[in-house]
Amino acid sequence: YYPNYGDSPLTWCASTANGQESIEVEFPEEVYIEKIEVYETSDPGGITKLGVWNGVSYVTVYSGEVQFTSTQATIFAPSFTTLTFKSNRVRLDYDATTTHAYWVEIDAIKITGEK
């Protein structure tokens, strides 16, 4: 659906409007994750935390405040240091309770890294 903005049955949508939720995604292959890209297609800017599974728990690679900034699709890709462990699992936390957001929608989550 990306780069379009708005509601689509092709995207992941929160189970409730104006709420807080987490998404856990597993990819087919483990890599040393260098970059995480989240393709936000409705009410972008609500991501408050990104975590990567280290085999025991999620290690936070990004933590920040809600930053709803636009009414257009965006790719959220915060900078972080390349991890010293391989992983294929990512957790995303978002908060849509403090701003104008109604239904947060995400088209895709992409990881980039070395095998």
C-alpha atoms as a PDB file:
ATOM      1  CA  TYR A   1       0.000   0.000   0.000  1.00  0.00           C
ATOM      2  CA  TYR A   2       2.924   2.342   0.744  1.00  0.00           C
ATOM      3  CA  PRO A   3       3.544   5.131  -0.482  1.00  0.00           C
ATOM      4  CA  ASN A   4      -0.193   5.827  -0.250  1.00  0.00           C
ATOM      5  CA  TYR A   5      -1.631   7.395   2.892  1.00  0.00           C
ATOM      6  CA  GLY A   6      -4.873   6.430   4.582  1.00  0.00           C
ATOM      7  CA  ASP A   7      -7.015   3.484   5.490  1.00  0.00           C
ATOM      8  CA  SER A   8      -6.423   0.223   3.633  1.00  0.00           C
ATOM      9  CA  PRO A   9      -7.417  -3.393   4.210  1.00  0.00           C
ATOM     10  CA  LEU A  10      -3.887  -4.264   2.986  1.00  0.00           C
ATOM     11  CA  THR A  11      -2.171  -2.852   6.090  1.00  0.00           C
ATOM     12  CA  TRP A  12      -1.887  -3.850   9.747  1.00  0.00           C
ATOM     13  CA  CYS A  13      -4.289  -1.842  11.858  1.00  0.00           C
ATOM     14  CA  ALA A  14      -4.537  -1.486  15.610  1.00  0.00           C
ATOM     15  CA  SER A  15      -7.255  -3.470  17.355  1.00  0.00           C
ATOM     16  CA  THR A  16      -8.537  -0.289  19.020  1.00  0.00           C
ATOM     17  CA  ALA A  17      -8.487   3.368  18.058  1.00  0.00           C
ATOM     18  CA  ASN A  18      -6.497   5.829  20.157  1.00  0.00           C
ATOM     19  CA  GLY A  19      -4.782   3.097  22.144  1.00  0.00           C
ATOM     20  CA  GLN A  20      -1.421   1.583  22.937  1.00  0.00           C
ATOM     21  CA  GLU A  21      -0.285  -1.652  21.339  1.00  0.00           C
ATOM     22  CA  SER A  22       2.733  -3.746  20.478  1.00  0.00           C
ATOM     23  CA  ILE A  23       3.548  -5.671  17.338  1.00  0.00           C
ATOM     24  CA  GLU A  24       5.986  -8.577  17.242  1.00  0.00           C
ATOM     25  CA  VAL A  25       7.324  -9.614  13.844  1.00  0.00           C
ATOM     26  CA  GLU A  26       9.499 -12.616  12.978  1.00  0.00           C
ATOM     27  CA  PHE A  27      11.561 -12.735   9.793  1.00  0.00           C
ATOM     28  CA  PRO A  28      12.753 -15.917   8.027  1.00  0.00           C
ATOM     29  CA  GLU A  29      16.483 -15.396   8.619  1.00  0.00           C
ATOM     30  CA  GLU A  30      18.588 -14.123  11.515  1.00  0.00           C
ATOM     31  CA  VAL A  31      20.989 -11.253  10.775  1.00  0.00           C
ATOM     32  CA  TYR A  32      23.056  -8.696  12.663  1.00  0.00           C
ATOM     33  CA  ILE A  33      20.397  -6.005  12.383  1.00  0.00           C
ATOM     34  CA  GLU A  34      21.741  -2.661  11.174  1.00  0.00           C
ATOM     35  CA  LYS A  35      18.489  -0.953  10.286  1.00  0.00           C
ATOM     36  CA  ILE A  36      14.769  -1.272  10.968  1.00  0.00           C
ATOM     37  CA  GLU A  37      12.282   0.480   8.687  1.00  0.00           C
ATOM     38  CA  VAL A  38       8.603   0.810   9.580  1.00  0.00           C
ATOM     39  CA  TYR A  39       6.314   1.834   6.714  1.00  0.00           C
ATOM     40  CA  GLU A  40       3.570   3.894   8.367  1.00  0.00           C
ATOM     41  CA  THR A  41       0.573   4.603   6.151  1.00  0.00           C
ATOM     42  CA  SER A  42      -1.943   6.203   8.525  1.00  0.00           C
ATOM     43  CA  ASP A  43      -1.300   8.526  11.469  1.00  0.00           C
ATOM     44  CA  PRO A  44       2.502   8.065  11.476  1.00  0.00           C
ATOM     45  CA  GLY A  45       4.695   9.064  14.396  1.00  0.00           C
ATOM     46  CA  GLY A  46       3.330   7.037  17.288  1.00  0.00           C
ATOM     47  CA  ILE A  47       6.209   4.585  17.638  1.00  0.00           C
ATOM     48  CA  THR A  48       7.660   4.882  21.130  1.00  0.00           C
ATOM     49  CA  LYS A  49       9.972   1.862  21.259  1.00  0.00           C
ATOM     50  CA  LEU A  50      11.698  -0.671  19.003  1.00  0.00           C
ATOM     51  CA  GLY A  51      13.165  -3.831  20.456  1.00  0.00           C
ATOM     52  CA  VAL A  52      15.182  -6.714  19.001  1.00  0.00           C
ATOM     53  CA  TRP A  53      15.058 -10.259  20.427  1.00  0.00           C
ATOM     54  CA  ASN A  54      18.409 -11.502  21.774  1.00  0.00           C
ATOM     55  CA  GLY A  55      17.221 -15.038  22.552  1.00  0.00           C
ATOM     56  CA  VAL A  56      16.092 -14.180  26.070  1.00  0.00           C
ATOM     57  CA  SER A  57      14.359 -10.800  25.933  1.00  0.00           C
ATOM     58  CA  TYR A  58      13.871  -7.732  23.755  1.00  0.00           C
ATOM     59  CA  VAL A  59      16.794  -5.270  23.706  1.00  0.00           C
ATOM     60  CA  THR A  60      15.640  -1.686  23.163  1.00  0.00           C
ATOM     61  CA  VAL A  61      17.294  -0.059  20.140  1.00  0.00           C
ATOM     62  CA  TYR A  62      15.016   2.989  20.046  1.00  0.00           C
ATOM     63  CA  SER A  63      12.937   4.743  22.690  1.00  0.00           C
ATOM     64  CA  GLY A  64      11.300   8.109  22.198  1.00  0.00           C
ATOM     65  CA  GLU A  65       8.254  10.306  22.467  1.00  0.00           C
ATOM     66  CA  VAL A  66       5.240  10.308  20.182  1.00  0.00           C
ATOM     67  CA  GLN A  67       5.881  12.602  17.196  1.00  0.00           C
ATOM     68  CA  PHE A  68       2.828  12.762  14.946  1.00  0.00           C
ATOM     69  CA  THR A  69       4.069  15.063  12.218  1.00  0.00           C
ATOM     70  CA  SER A  70       2.225  14.565   8.966  1.00  0.00           C
ATOM     71  CA  THR A  71      -0.739  13.295   7.072  1.00  0.00           C
ATOM     72  CA  GLN A  72       1.361  11.424   4.557  1.00  0.00           C
ATOM     73  CA  ALA A  73       2.924   7.974   4.583  1.00  0.00           C
ATOM     74  CA  THR A  74       6.394   7.832   6.106  1.00  0.00           C
ATOM     75  CA  ILE A  75       9.232   5.397   6.708  1.00  0.00           C
ATOM     76  CA  PHE A  76      10.309   5.455  10.342  1.00  0.00           C
ATOM     77  CA  ALA A  77      13.960   4.361  10.514  1.00  0.00           C
ATOM     78  CA  PRO A  78      15.753   5.497  13.671  1.00  0.00           C
ATOM     79  CA  SER A  79      19.533   5.210  13.872  1.00  0.00           C
ATOM     80  CA  PHE A  80      21.137   2.754  16.281  1.00  0.00           C
ATOM     81  CA  THR A  81      24.405   0.878  16.670  1.00  0.00           C
ATOM     82  CA  THR A  82      24.654  -2.417  14.777  1.00  0.00           C
ATOM     83  CA  LEU A  83      23.818  -5.227  17.156  1.00  0.00           C
ATOM     84  CA  THR A  84      26.401  -7.752  18.335  1.00  0.00           C
ATOM     85  CA  PHE A  85      23.957 -10.655  18.127  1.00  0.00           C
ATOM     86  CA  LYS A  86      21.865 -12.121  15.335  1.00  0.00           C
ATOM     87  CA  SER A  87      18.104 -11.842  15.453  1.00  0.00           C
ATOM     88  CA  ASN A  88      15.041 -12.271  13.310  1.00  0.00           C
ATOM     89  CA  ARG A  89      12.471 -10.835  15.746  1.00  0.00           C
ATOM     90  CA  VAL A  90      11.449  -7.222  16.222  1.00  0.00           C
ATOM     91  CA  ARG A  91       8.954  -5.663  18.612  1.00  0.00           C
ATOM     92  CA  LEU A  92       7.375  -2.276  17.984  1.00  0.00           C
ATOM     93  CA  ASP A  93       5.436  -0.323  20.643  1.00  0.00           C
ATOM     94  CA  TYR A  94       3.249   2.594  19.713  1.00  0.00           C
ATOM     95  CA  ASP A  95       1.075   5.073  21.553  1.00  0.00           C
ATOM     96  CA  ALA A  96      -1.859   6.816  19.884  1.00  0.00           C
ATOM     97  CA  THR A  97      -3.456   8.081  23.108  1.00  0.00           C
ATOM     98  CA  THR A  98      -1.777  11.469  23.370  1.00  0.00           C
ATOM     99  CA  THR A  99      -2.361  13.021  19.949  1.00  0.00           C
ATOM    100  CA  HIS A 100      -4.769  13.374  17.051  1.00  0.00           C
ATOM    101  CA  ALA A 101      -4.134   9.833  15.822  1.00  0.00           C
ATOM    102  CA  TYR A 102      -7.113   7.621  15.341  1.00  0.00           C
ATOM    103  CA  TRP A 103      -6.214   4.393  13.537  1.00  0.00           C
ATOM    104  CA  VAL A 104      -2.503   3.736  13.231  1.00  0.00           C
ATOM    105  CA  GLU A 105      -1.774   1.593  10.158  1.00  0.00           C
ATOM    106  CA  ILE A 106       1.496  -0.059   9.145  1.00  0.00           C
ATOM    107  CA  ASP A 107       2.156  -1.503   5.702  1.00  0.00           C
ATOM    108  CA  ALA A 108       5.489  -3.227   6.345  1.00  0.00           C
ATOM    109  CA  ILE A 109       8.441  -3.638   8.666  1.00  0.00           C
ATOM    110  CA  LYS A 110      11.825  -4.275   7.056  1.00  0.00           C
ATOM    111  CA  ILE A 111      15.124  -5.263   8.644  1.00  0.00           C
ATOM    112  CA  THR A 112      18.530  -4.889   7.024  1.00  0.00           C
ATOM    113  CA  GLY A 113      21.696  -6.542   8.249  1.00  0.00           C
ATOM    114  CA  GLU A 114      24.612  -8.882   7.690  1.00  0.00           C
ATOM    115  CA  LYS A 115      24.381 -12.668   7.892  1.00  0.00           C
END
